[in-house]
Structures are given as C-alpha cells and as structure tokens.
Amino acid sequence: MKIAVACKSILLQKSLELFLKNYISPYKYSDFIISDREISVDKPLFLISKNENANLRLPFTKSQLILEIKSFYKKNFQSSDTKQQNRDLSLLEKRVELLCEKFQKELIKTIKEYYER
C-alpha cells in the first residue's frame, strides 16, 4: 500500500506523514491520495474532514486512521488484485494442462512403439 498525502492543513499533513511513514510514497507511485479537501486527482481519494461524506471524520486517533485506510485500500484494490491472481492461476492451470496432455501423448506413443517391435 503506497499513499501520497496532499493536505491544506500543515499540521494534518505532518501528522499523517508521521503516522503513515511506512506507507508514504510520491504521488506518481502512490495507490491513492489522502487529503483534507476535495481535489481532482486521477487516483482514489481518501478524504479526512468534518463533512459527512468523508472517509474519516475529524478528530480521529492513529488506530482509527490505520483501520479506515486499510478498509479503503481493501475495498478499492484487493478485488482487482484477486481478479489478477485468478487470471494468473487460470493461465497457469492451462499451461499445466497442455503439458500434461503433451506428456500423455508422448508416453502413449513410447509405449506403443515398445510393444510393436
């Protein structure tokens, strides 16, 4: 999980950077943005404010922040990761199936050749 922080409040900005120091990333590499105001970005926005539509309402604790961010991340990204894993598994299964069929044909061919002598 990579997070960029873009807050108008410097105090909130620094607090989030301190609380989330293991997750902070530049905007370019981040999965989503945390902000204290509505901003137009091309990534999911996690809003922290007093408004009812905020993902996390002020005031909050560090544990509330972490729980809400993990929930937000899971809701927005885990499903796509799971779909990708399922696609990868499906491709792997098809490759294994083709290899098994090829092996079976070669084995049958070898057995027939042995007994036809």
C-alpha atoms as a PDB file:
ATOM      1  CA  MET A   1       0.000   0.000   0.000  1.00  0.00           C
ATOM      2  CA  LYS A   2       1.522   3.287  -1.156  1.00  0.00           C
ATOM      3  CA  ILE A   3      -0.039   6.558  -0.059  1.00  0.00           C
ATOM      4  CA  ALA A   4       0.502  10.201  -1.047  1.00  0.00           C
ATOM      5  CA  VAL A   5      -0.657  12.958   1.289  1.00  0.00           C
ATOM      6  CA  ALA A   6      -1.915  16.316  -0.023  1.00  0.00           C
ATOM      7  CA  CYS A   7      -3.459  18.338   2.808  1.00  0.00           C
ATOM      8  CA  LYS A   8      -4.147  22.053   3.086  1.00  0.00           C
ATOM      9  CA  SER A   9      -3.566  21.852   6.850  1.00  0.00           C
ATOM     10  CA  ILE A  10       0.161  21.626   7.511  1.00  0.00           C
ATOM     11  CA  LEU A  11      -0.485  20.137  10.953  1.00  0.00           C
ATOM     12  CA  LEU A  12      -2.629  17.356   9.485  1.00  0.00           C
ATOM     13  CA  GLN A  13      -0.116  16.822   6.657  1.00  0.00           C
ATOM     14  CA  LYS A  14       2.791  16.349   9.090  1.00  0.00           C
ATOM     15  CA  SER A  15       0.708  14.173  11.440  1.00  0.00           C
ATOM     16  CA  LEU A  16      -0.309  11.861   8.603  1.00  0.00           C
ATOM     17  CA  GLU A  17       3.268  11.649   7.360  1.00  0.00           C
ATOM     18  CA  LEU A  18       4.370  10.694  10.872  1.00  0.00           C
ATOM     19  CA  PHE A  19       1.550   8.162  11.428  1.00  0.00           C
ATOM     20  CA  LEU A  20       1.932   6.619   7.965  1.00  0.00           C
ATOM     21  CA  LYS A  21       5.692   6.870   7.493  1.00  0.00           C
ATOM     22  CA  ASN A  22       5.932   3.246   6.271  1.00  0.00           C
ATOM     23  CA  TYR A  23       3.301   3.844   3.574  1.00  0.00           C
ATOM     24  CA  ILE A  24       4.209   7.329   2.303  1.00  0.00           C
ATOM     25  CA  SER A  25       5.149   7.489  -1.347  1.00  0.00           C
ATOM     26  CA  PRO A  26       5.437  10.185  -4.026  1.00  0.00           C
ATOM     27  CA  TYR A  27       2.206  10.906  -5.901  1.00  0.00           C
ATOM     28  CA  LYS A  28       3.486   9.250  -9.076  1.00  0.00           C
ATOM     29  CA  TYR A  29       3.972   5.888  -7.332  1.00  0.00           C
ATOM     30  CA  SER A  30       1.081   6.020  -4.875  1.00  0.00           C
ATOM     31  CA  ASP A  31      -2.030   3.824  -4.930  1.00  0.00           C
ATOM     32  CA  PHE A  32      -4.267   6.571  -3.546  1.00  0.00           C
ATOM     33  CA  ILE A  33      -4.230  10.098  -2.107  1.00  0.00           C
ATOM     34  CA  ILE A  34      -5.189  11.297   1.365  1.00  0.00           C
ATOM     35  CA  SER A  35      -6.451  14.860   1.580  1.00  0.00           C
ATOM     36  CA  ASP A  36      -8.413  17.170   3.857  1.00  0.00           C
ATOM     37  CA  ARG A  37     -10.326  18.695   0.928  1.00  0.00           C
ATOM     38  CA  GLU A  38     -11.957  17.587  -2.303  1.00  0.00           C
ATOM     39  CA  ILE A  39      -9.322  17.665  -5.030  1.00  0.00           C
ATOM     40  CA  SER A  40      -9.403  16.460  -8.592  1.00  0.00           C
ATOM     41  CA  VAL A  41      -6.930  13.608  -8.998  1.00  0.00           C
ATOM     42  CA  ASP A  42      -6.683  10.563 -11.233  1.00  0.00           C
ATOM     43  CA  LYS A  43      -6.318   8.214  -8.267  1.00  0.00           C
ATOM     44  CA  PRO A  44      -8.742   7.240  -5.496  1.00  0.00           C
ATOM     45  CA  LEU A  45      -9.127   9.944  -2.867  1.00  0.00           C
ATOM     46  CA  PHE A  46      -9.332   9.224   0.854  1.00  0.00           C
ATOM     47  CA  LEU A  47     -10.954  12.281   2.402  1.00  0.00           C
ATOM     48  CA  ILE A  48     -10.397  13.355   6.001  1.00  0.00           C
ATOM     49  CA  SER A  49     -12.689  16.166   7.184  1.00  0.00           C
ATOM     50  CA  LYS A  50     -15.668  17.083   9.344  1.00  0.00           C
ATOM     51  CA  ASN A  51     -18.071  16.514   6.418  1.00  0.00           C
ATOM     52  CA  GLU A  52     -20.449  13.574   6.433  1.00  0.00           C
ATOM     53  CA  ASN A  53     -19.112  12.260   3.117  1.00  0.00           C
ATOM     54  CA  ALA A  54     -15.545  11.955   4.461  1.00  0.00           C
ATOM     55  CA  ASN A  55     -13.853   8.573   4.693  1.00  0.00           C
ATOM     56  CA  LEU A  56     -12.583   9.558   8.122  1.00  0.00           C
ATOM     57  CA  ARG A  57     -14.103  12.311  10.223  1.00  0.00           C
ATOM     58  CA  LEU A  58     -12.134  14.716  12.366  1.00  0.00           C
ATOM     59  CA  PRO A  59     -10.986  14.228  15.093  1.00  0.00           C
ATOM     60  CA  PHE A  60      -9.517  10.738  14.838  1.00  0.00           C
ATOM     61  CA  THR A  61      -6.950   8.506  16.504  1.00  0.00           C
ATOM     62  CA  LYS A  62      -3.988   6.809  14.863  1.00  0.00           C
ATOM     63  CA  SER A  63      -5.666   3.412  15.196  1.00  0.00           C
ATOM     64  CA  GLN A  64      -8.878   4.723  13.574  1.00  0.00           C
ATOM     65  CA  LEU A  65      -6.780   6.138  10.743  1.00  0.00           C
ATOM     66  CA  ILE A  66      -4.973   2.856  10.113  1.00  0.00           C
ATOM     67  CA  LEU A  67      -8.185   0.800  10.244  1.00  0.00           C
ATOM     68  CA  GLU A  68     -10.036   3.111   7.844  1.00  0.00           C
ATOM     69  CA  ILE A  69      -7.123   3.289   5.410  1.00  0.00           C
ATOM     70  CA  LYS A  70      -6.767  -0.491   5.339  1.00  0.00           C
ATOM     71  CA  SER A  71     -10.506  -0.845   4.788  1.00  0.00           C
ATOM     72  CA  PHE A  72     -10.398   1.759   1.989  1.00  0.00           C
ATOM     73  CA  TYR A  73      -7.450   0.002   0.357  1.00  0.00           C
ATOM     74  CA  LYS A  74      -9.114  -3.392   0.577  1.00  0.00           C
ATOM     75  CA  LYS A  75     -12.347  -2.059  -0.920  1.00  0.00           C
ATOM     76  CA  ASN A  76     -10.588  -0.290  -3.804  1.00  0.00           C
ATOM     77  CA  PHE A  77      -7.661  -2.547  -4.609  1.00  0.00           C
ATOM     78  CA  GLN A  78      -7.973  -6.046  -3.162  1.00  0.00           C
ATOM     79  CA  SER A  79     -10.749  -7.102  -5.518  1.00  0.00           C
ATOM     80  CA  SER A  80      -8.673  -6.186  -8.585  1.00  0.00           C
ATOM     81  CA  ASP A  81      -5.637  -7.952  -7.114  1.00  0.00           C
ATOM     82  CA  THR A  82      -7.751 -11.062  -6.518  1.00  0.00           C
ATOM     83  CA  LYS A  83      -9.050 -10.958 -10.095  1.00  0.00           C
ATOM     84  CA  GLN A  84      -5.493 -10.688 -11.399  1.00  0.00           C
ATOM     85  CA  GLN A  85      -4.398 -13.606  -9.220  1.00  0.00           C
ATOM     86  CA  ASN A  86      -7.318 -15.673 -10.524  1.00  0.00           C
ATOM     87  CA  ARG A  87      -6.349 -14.849 -14.127  1.00  0.00           C
ATOM     88  CA  ASP A  88      -2.734 -15.783 -13.429  1.00  0.00           C
ATOM     89  CA  LEU A  89      -3.839 -19.044 -11.815  1.00  0.00           C
ATOM     90  CA  SER A  90      -6.110 -19.820 -14.756  1.00  0.00           C
ATOM     91  CA  LEU A  91      -3.235 -19.276 -17.200  1.00  0.00           C
ATOM     92  CA  LEU A  92      -1.004 -21.486 -15.098  1.00  0.00           C
ATOM     93  CA  GLU A  93      -3.649 -24.214 -14.979  1.00  0.00           C
ATOM     94  CA  LYS A  94      -3.986 -24.118 -18.780  1.00  0.00           C
ATOM     95  CA  ARG A  95      -0.235 -24.379 -19.250  1.00  0.00           C
ATOM     96  CA  VAL A  96      -0.021 -27.336 -16.858  1.00  0.00           C
ATOM     97  CA  GLU A  97      -2.962 -28.992 -18.594  1.00  0.00           C
ATOM     98  CA  LEU A  98      -1.281 -28.618 -22.005  1.00  0.00           C
ATOM     99  CA  LEU A  99       1.971 -30.002 -20.648  1.00  0.00           C
ATOM    100  CA  CYS A 100       0.133 -32.988 -19.152  1.00  0.00           C
ATOM    101  CA  GLU A 101      -1.628 -33.688 -22.447  1.00  0.00           C
ATOM    102  CA  LYS A 102       1.677 -33.462 -24.320  1.00  0.00           C
ATOM    103  CA  PHE A 103       3.321 -35.793 -21.809  1.00  0.00           C
ATOM    104  CA  GLN A 104       0.417 -38.239 -22.057  1.00  0.00           C
ATOM    105  CA  LYS A 105       0.655 -38.348 -25.867  1.00  0.00           C
ATOM    106  CA  GLU A 106       4.420 -38.879 -25.762  1.00  0.00           C
ATOM    107  CA  LEU A 107       4.044 -41.609 -23.142  1.00  0.00           C
ATOM    108  CA  ILE A 108       1.386 -43.451 -25.159  1.00  0.00           C
ATOM    109  CA  LYS A 109       3.499 -43.137 -28.301  1.00  0.00           C
ATOM    110  CA  THR A 110       6.542 -44.564 -26.492  1.00  0.00           C
ATOM    111  CA  ILE A 111       4.548 -47.478 -25.045  1.00  0.00           C
ATOM    112  CA  LYS A 112       3.014 -48.320 -28.433  1.00  0.00           C
ATOM    113  CA  GLU A 113       6.429 -48.205 -30.105  1.00  0.00           C
ATOM    114  CA  TYR A 114       7.852 -50.526 -27.474  1.00  0.00           C
ATOM    115  CA  TYR A 115       5.119 -53.154 -27.848  1.00  0.00           C
ATOM    116  CA  GLU A 116       5.008 -53.021 -31.644  1.00  0.00           C
ATOM    117  CA  ARG A 117       8.553 -54.371 -32.007  1.00  0.00           C
END
